[in-house]
Amino acid sequence: MNREKLRRHKRNMTELASVLLAIGKLQEELEWVKEEHIVSGKVKKSGKDFPYIEEHMTVKVPDPKRTEPIRARLRKKEQRKAELEKEIQEIEAFIAGLPEGMDKQIFEMVYLDGLSQQKAGEILGYTQGRVSQIIRNYLKD
């Protein structure tokens, strides 16, 4: 685990909440567009009896000019959500894999609970410098 990934953890959690909210709004907007903006379209089908003759029929479909931009934005948000969730899981797995004890508590407080190194040190009876040393011992740059 590197220091930069751990630093991004809190920001990633905030961004994930924002992305989830945006996905919800885009899904609502897409549903509204599907209901309100209907156009006629033609499709081909086979006849019911042999020989199967190609037939054309008219169907009602959501307007692709309005739905496709929303779907494209939704795909981008879903992709970003997957990236954020993967990185968050990596960090949480790293911290969960630490041996039980003060070091693990420090990582949980600083990176999962969002406390400052100073505040985590005060709770555990260490100085901020000692907390920083403990974190540094586990990280590779």
Protein backbone atom coordinates (compact mmCIF):
# COMPACT_ATOMS: atom_id res chain seq x y z
CA MET A 1 0.00 0.00 0.00
CA ASN A 2 1.31 3.43 -0.79
CA ARG A 3 0.78 6.69 1.03
CA GLU A 4 -0.98 8.44 -1.85
CA LYS A 5 -3.77 5.84 -1.99
CA LEU A 6 -4.35 6.20 1.72
CA ARG A 7 -4.44 9.99 1.43
CA ARG A 8 -7.09 9.73 -1.30
CA HIS A 9 -9.32 7.46 0.81
CA LYS A 10 -11.35 10.19 2.52
CA ARG A 11 -11.70 12.13 -0.74
CA ASN A 12 -12.77 8.92 -2.51
CA MET A 13 -15.46 8.27 0.10
CA THR A 14 -16.84 11.78 -0.41
CA GLU A 15 -16.68 11.46 -4.19
CA LEU A 16 -18.40 8.04 -4.04
CA ALA A 17 -21.33 9.57 -2.16
CA SER A 18 -21.52 12.32 -4.78
CA VAL A 19 -21.35 9.83 -7.67
CA LEU A 20 -24.10 7.68 -6.13
CA LEU A 21 -26.31 10.76 -5.81
CA ALA A 22 -25.61 11.72 -9.44
CA ILE A 23 -26.41 8.18 -10.63
CA GLY A 24 -29.76 8.31 -8.82
CA LYS A 25 -30.63 11.64 -10.41
CA LEU A 26 -29.59 10.45 -13.88
CA GLN A 27 -31.73 7.32 -13.52
CA GLU A 28 -34.72 9.45 -12.52
CA GLU A 29 -34.11 11.77 -15.47
CA LEU A 30 -33.83 8.81 -17.84
CA GLU A 31 -37.12 7.36 -16.59
CA TRP A 32 -38.83 10.72 -17.05
CA VAL A 33 -37.47 11.08 -20.60
CA LYS A 34 -38.57 7.51 -21.43
CA GLU A 35 -42.11 8.32 -20.32
CA GLU A 36 -42.44 11.83 -21.75
CA HIS A 37 -40.51 11.73 -25.04
CA ILE A 38 -41.85 8.89 -27.15
CA VAL A 39 -41.30 8.63 -30.91
CA SER A 40 -42.47 6.17 -33.54
CA GLY A 41 -39.97 3.74 -34.96
CA LYS A 42 -40.09 1.04 -37.60
CA VAL A 43 -38.82 -2.48 -37.05
CA LYS A 44 -38.66 -5.62 -39.14
CA LYS A 45 -40.21 -8.90 -38.12
CA SER A 46 -40.86 -12.29 -39.63
CA GLY A 47 -44.32 -13.36 -40.62
CA LYS A 48 -46.10 -15.91 -38.46
CA ASP A 49 -46.53 -18.58 -41.15
CA PHE A 50 -44.16 -20.39 -43.45
CA PRO A 51 -42.65 -19.07 -45.67
CA TYR A 52 -41.48 -16.45 -43.24
CA ILE A 53 -41.87 -13.17 -45.02
CA GLU A 54 -40.24 -10.03 -43.70
CA GLU A 55 -42.80 -7.55 -42.43
CA HIS A 56 -42.50 -4.01 -41.14
CA MET A 57 -44.30 -2.66 -38.14
CA THR A 58 -44.38 0.62 -36.21
CA VAL A 59 -43.51 0.74 -32.51
CA LYS A 60 -43.37 3.47 -29.87
CA VAL A 61 -39.88 3.94 -28.37
CA PRO A 62 -38.18 6.52 -26.14
CA ASP A 63 -36.50 9.27 -28.17
CA PRO A 64 -32.88 8.11 -28.63
CA LYS A 65 -31.70 11.68 -29.18
CA ARG A 66 -32.74 12.45 -25.62
CA THR A 67 -31.93 9.14 -23.91
CA GLU A 68 -28.47 8.44 -25.34
CA PRO A 69 -26.71 11.48 -23.80
CA ILE A 70 -28.19 10.58 -20.42
CA ARG A 71 -27.16 6.94 -20.82
CA ALA A 72 -23.62 8.01 -21.79
CA ARG A 73 -23.33 10.15 -18.64
CA LEU A 74 -24.77 7.29 -16.60
CA ARG A 75 -22.16 4.86 -18.00
CA LYS A 76 -19.34 7.28 -17.08
CA LYS A 77 -20.67 7.67 -13.53
CA GLU A 78 -21.05 3.88 -13.16
CA GLN A 79 -17.46 3.41 -14.35
CA ARG A 80 -16.16 6.01 -11.87
CA LYS A 81 -18.20 4.35 -9.11
CA ALA A 82 -16.55 1.00 -9.86
CA GLU A 83 -13.07 2.59 -9.79
CA LEU A 84 -13.74 4.30 -6.45
CA GLU A 85 -15.23 1.17 -4.88
CA LYS A 86 -12.22 -0.89 -5.98
CA GLU A 87 -9.73 1.55 -4.44
CA ILE A 88 -11.77 1.85 -1.23
CA GLN A 89 -11.92 -1.94 -0.92
CA GLU A 90 -8.14 -2.20 -1.40
CA ILE A 91 -7.54 0.24 1.44
CA GLU A 92 -10.06 -1.39 3.76
CA ALA A 93 -8.60 -4.84 3.01
CA PHE A 94 -5.08 -3.55 3.73
CA ILE A 95 -6.17 -2.13 7.08
CA ALA A 96 -8.19 -5.26 7.92
CA GLY A 97 -5.08 -7.36 7.19
CA LEU A 98 -2.96 -5.54 9.75
CA PRO A 99 -2.30 -7.43 12.99
CA GLU A 100 -4.62 -6.50 15.86
CA GLY A 101 -3.18 -3.83 18.11
CA MET A 102 -2.36 -0.16 18.36
CA ASP A 103 -1.00 0.07 14.83
CA LYS A 104 -4.26 -1.18 13.35
CA GLN A 105 -6.23 1.19 15.58
CA ILE A 106 -4.12 4.09 14.33
CA PHE A 107 -4.81 3.21 10.69
CA GLU A 108 -8.53 2.80 11.39
CA MET A 109 -8.73 6.12 13.22
CA VAL A 110 -6.73 8.10 10.70
CA TYR A 111 -7.93 6.58 7.42
CA LEU A 112 -11.32 5.00 8.07
CA ASP A 113 -12.69 7.27 10.79
CA GLY A 114 -11.12 10.44 9.37
CA LEU A 115 -9.35 11.61 12.52
CA SER A 116 -6.17 13.63 12.27
CA GLN A 117 -2.90 12.03 13.33
CA GLN A 118 -2.81 14.50 16.22
CA LYS A 119 -6.27 13.50 17.46
CA ALA A 120 -5.59 9.75 17.05
CA GLY A 121 -2.33 10.21 18.99
CA GLU A 122 -4.11 12.03 21.81
CA ILE A 123 -6.69 9.23 22.11
CA LEU A 124 -4.03 6.50 22.16
CA GLY A 125 -1.46 8.38 24.23
CA TYR A 126 1.07 8.98 21.44
CA THR A 127 2.44 12.15 19.91
CA GLN A 128 1.56 13.08 16.34
CA GLY A 129 5.17 12.35 15.36
CA ARG A 130 4.98 8.80 16.75
CA VAL A 131 1.69 8.17 14.92
CA SER A 132 3.34 9.38 11.72
CA GLN A 133 6.29 7.01 12.30
CA ILE A 134 4.00 4.03 12.84
CA ILE A 135 2.14 4.79 9.62
CA ARG A 136 5.36 5.32 7.69
CA ASN A 137 6.70 1.93 8.87
CA TYR A 138 3.84 0.14 7.08
CA LEU A 139 3.89 2.14 3.86
CA LYS A 140 6.04 1.93 0.79
CA ASP A 141 6.46 4.99 -1.40
